[in-house]
N, C-alpha and C. Protein backbone atom coordinates (compact mmCIF):
# COMPACT_ATOMS: atom_id res chain seq x y z
N UNK A 1 42.82 168.02 117.86
CA UNK A 1 44.19 167.72 117.57
C UNK A 1 44.30 167.14 116.16
N UNK A 2 45.31 167.54 115.41
CA UNK A 2 45.45 166.99 114.07
C UNK A 2 45.82 165.52 114.11
N UNK A 3 45.33 164.79 113.14
CA UNK A 3 45.68 163.38 113.01
C UNK A 3 46.93 163.26 112.17
N UNK A 4 47.81 162.40 112.56
CA UNK A 4 49.03 162.13 111.81
C UNK A 4 48.81 160.82 111.07
N UNK A 5 49.04 160.85 109.77
CA UNK A 5 48.83 159.65 108.97
C UNK A 5 49.83 158.57 109.34
N UNK A 6 49.33 157.36 109.58
CA UNK A 6 50.22 156.24 109.90
C UNK A 6 50.78 155.61 108.64
N UNK A 7 50.39 156.10 107.47
CA UNK A 7 50.85 155.53 106.21
C UNK A 7 52.23 156.01 105.83
N UNK A 8 52.70 157.10 106.41
CA UNK A 8 53.98 157.65 106.05
C UNK A 8 55.07 157.06 106.95
N UNK A 9 55.89 156.14 106.43
CA UNK A 9 56.91 155.50 107.26
C UNK A 9 57.97 156.49 107.74
N UNK A 10 58.16 157.59 107.04
CA UNK A 10 59.15 158.58 107.45
C UNK A 10 58.79 159.15 108.81
N UNK A 11 57.50 159.35 109.06
CA UNK A 11 57.08 159.90 110.34
C UNK A 11 57.44 158.97 111.48
N UNK A 12 57.23 157.69 111.31
CA UNK A 12 57.55 156.73 112.35
C UNK A 12 59.06 156.69 112.61
N UNK A 13 59.86 156.82 111.57
CA UNK A 13 61.31 156.77 111.71
C UNK A 13 61.90 158.08 112.21
N UNK A 14 61.13 159.13 112.14
CA UNK A 14 61.61 160.46 112.53
C UNK A 14 61.85 160.55 114.04
N UNK A 15 61.07 159.85 114.83
CA UNK A 15 61.17 159.89 116.28
C UNK A 15 61.82 158.60 116.76
N UNK A 16 62.94 158.69 117.48
CA UNK A 16 63.58 157.47 117.98
C UNK A 16 62.72 156.79 119.04
N UNK A 17 62.99 155.54 119.31
CA UNK A 17 62.21 154.81 120.31
C UNK A 17 62.57 155.25 121.72
N UNK A 18 63.82 155.59 121.95
CA UNK A 18 64.26 156.03 123.27
C UNK A 18 65.03 157.33 123.13
N UNK A 19 65.19 158.01 124.23
CA UNK A 19 65.97 159.25 124.24
C UNK A 19 65.08 160.47 124.24
N UNK A 20 65.63 161.56 123.73
CA UNK A 20 64.93 162.83 123.74
C UNK A 20 64.86 163.41 122.34
N UNK A 21 63.83 164.21 122.09
CA UNK A 21 63.70 164.91 120.81
C UNK A 21 63.45 166.39 121.10
N UNK A 22 63.91 167.21 120.18
CA UNK A 22 63.73 168.65 120.29
C UNK A 22 62.50 169.07 119.50
N UNK A 23 62.05 170.30 119.73
CA UNK A 23 60.80 170.78 119.14
C UNK A 23 60.79 170.76 117.60
N UNK A 24 61.85 171.20 116.92
CA UNK A 24 61.78 171.15 115.44
C UNK A 24 61.51 169.75 114.89
N UNK A 25 62.09 168.75 115.54
CA UNK A 25 61.88 167.36 115.10
C UNK A 25 60.43 166.94 115.35
N UNK A 26 59.86 167.36 116.45
CA UNK A 26 58.46 167.05 116.75
C UNK A 26 57.53 167.71 115.74
N UNK A 27 57.79 168.96 115.43
CA UNK A 27 56.90 169.70 114.53
C UNK A 27 56.95 169.19 113.09
N UNK A 28 58.01 168.46 112.73
CA UNK A 28 58.05 167.84 111.39
C UNK A 28 57.04 166.71 111.27
N UNK A 29 56.75 166.03 112.39
CA UNK A 29 55.83 164.89 112.33
C UNK A 29 54.46 165.22 112.93
N UNK A 30 54.36 166.30 113.67
CA UNK A 30 53.10 166.73 114.27
C UNK A 30 52.87 168.16 113.82
N UNK A 31 52.18 168.34 112.70
CA UNK A 31 52.13 169.64 112.01
C UNK A 31 51.23 170.68 112.69
N UNK A 32 51.79 171.31 113.72
CA UNK A 32 51.14 172.46 114.35
C UNK A 32 52.20 173.54 114.51
N UNK A 33 51.75 174.76 114.81
CA UNK A 33 52.71 175.85 115.02
C UNK A 33 53.38 175.70 116.38
N UNK A 34 54.46 176.42 116.56
CA UNK A 34 55.16 176.39 117.84
C UNK A 34 54.24 176.86 118.97
N UNK A 35 53.49 177.92 118.71
CA UNK A 35 52.58 178.46 119.72
C UNK A 35 51.51 177.44 120.09
N UNK A 36 50.97 176.75 119.08
CA UNK A 36 49.95 175.73 119.35
C UNK A 36 50.56 174.60 120.16
N UNK A 37 51.77 174.18 119.83
CA UNK A 37 52.42 173.11 120.57
C UNK A 37 52.58 173.49 122.05
N UNK A 38 53.09 174.71 122.29
CA UNK A 38 53.29 175.13 123.68
C UNK A 38 51.96 175.26 124.42
N UNK A 39 50.90 175.67 123.73
CA UNK A 39 49.57 175.70 124.35
C UNK A 39 49.10 174.29 124.69
N UNK A 40 49.39 173.32 123.82
CA UNK A 40 49.03 171.93 124.08
C UNK A 40 49.78 171.41 125.31
N UNK A 41 51.06 171.76 125.44
CA UNK A 41 51.84 171.34 126.61
C UNK A 41 51.24 171.98 127.86
N UNK A 42 50.93 173.25 127.77
CA UNK A 42 50.36 173.97 128.91
C UNK A 42 49.02 173.38 129.35
N UNK A 43 48.19 172.98 128.37
CA UNK A 43 46.86 172.43 128.65
C UNK A 43 46.89 170.94 129.00
N UNK A 44 48.05 170.30 128.88
CA UNK A 44 48.15 168.88 129.19
C UNK A 44 47.78 167.97 128.04
N UNK A 45 47.60 168.51 126.84
CA UNK A 45 47.28 167.69 125.67
C UNK A 45 48.53 167.13 125.01
N UNK A 46 49.69 167.63 125.40
CA UNK A 46 50.98 167.14 124.90
C UNK A 46 51.87 166.90 126.12
N UNK A 47 52.86 166.03 126.00
CA UNK A 47 53.74 165.72 127.14
C UNK A 47 54.49 166.95 127.64
N UNK A 48 54.83 166.91 128.89
CA UNK A 48 55.64 167.99 129.47
C UNK A 48 57.07 167.89 128.97
N UNK A 49 57.70 169.04 128.87
CA UNK A 49 59.08 169.08 128.41
C UNK A 49 60.04 168.77 129.55
N UNK A 50 61.28 168.51 129.17
CA UNK A 50 62.35 168.22 130.12
C UNK A 50 63.47 169.22 129.81
N UNK A 51 63.94 169.91 130.83
CA UNK A 51 65.07 170.83 130.64
C UNK A 51 66.36 170.03 130.71
N UNK A 52 67.13 170.05 129.63
CA UNK A 52 68.42 169.35 129.60
C UNK A 52 69.58 170.28 129.93
N UNK A 53 69.32 171.56 129.90
CA UNK A 53 70.32 172.57 130.20
C UNK A 53 69.64 173.91 130.30
N UNK A 54 70.38 174.97 130.55
CA UNK A 54 69.75 176.28 130.72
C UNK A 54 69.01 176.77 129.48
N UNK A 55 69.45 176.36 128.31
CA UNK A 55 68.79 176.79 127.08
C UNK A 55 68.39 175.61 126.20
N UNK A 56 68.23 174.44 126.79
CA UNK A 56 67.91 173.24 126.02
C UNK A 56 66.67 172.56 126.60
N UNK A 57 65.62 172.52 125.79
CA UNK A 57 64.38 171.87 126.18
C UNK A 57 64.13 170.71 125.22
N UNK A 58 63.70 169.59 125.76
CA UNK A 58 63.43 168.41 124.93
C UNK A 58 62.24 167.67 125.51
N UNK A 59 61.81 166.65 124.77
CA UNK A 59 60.72 165.78 125.20
C UNK A 59 61.18 164.34 125.12
N UNK A 60 60.63 163.51 125.98
CA UNK A 60 60.95 162.07 125.92
C UNK A 60 60.37 161.49 124.63
N UNK A 61 61.20 160.82 123.88
CA UNK A 61 60.78 160.26 122.60
C UNK A 61 59.62 159.29 122.77
N UNK A 62 59.65 158.50 123.83
CA UNK A 62 58.57 157.52 124.05
C UNK A 62 57.22 158.20 124.25
N UNK A 63 57.21 159.35 124.90
CA UNK A 63 55.96 160.07 125.11
C UNK A 63 55.45 160.70 123.82
N UNK A 64 56.36 161.15 122.97
CA UNK A 64 55.96 161.73 121.68
C UNK A 64 55.41 160.62 120.78
N UNK A 65 56.06 159.45 120.77
CA UNK A 65 55.55 158.32 119.98
C UNK A 65 54.16 157.92 120.44
N UNK A 66 53.92 157.94 121.75
CA UNK A 66 52.62 157.62 122.29
C UNK A 66 51.57 158.64 121.82
N UNK A 67 51.93 159.91 121.82
CA UNK A 67 51.03 160.96 121.33
C UNK A 67 50.69 160.73 119.86
N UNK A 68 51.69 160.40 119.06
CA UNK A 68 51.47 160.17 117.63
C UNK A 68 50.57 158.96 117.38
N UNK A 69 50.61 157.98 118.26
CA UNK A 69 49.82 156.76 118.07
C UNK A 69 48.38 156.87 118.57
N UNK A 70 48.08 157.99 119.25
CA UNK A 70 46.69 158.17 119.74
C UNK A 70 45.74 158.44 118.62
């Protein structure tokens, strides 16, 4: 898994502490391709998504922050 630098304050501010985030916002701070991200979700290396609607998928911000801090 790629390491995310903790020196960039923009990355920490990019993900809210609570709520949900969409995939484009995640990929700005966790630099992998969409396919790699979905493979990580499938393999359990990334948090599971939450369906917010028929065409809306998101992730819990707290789980993404936890992933970034690993």
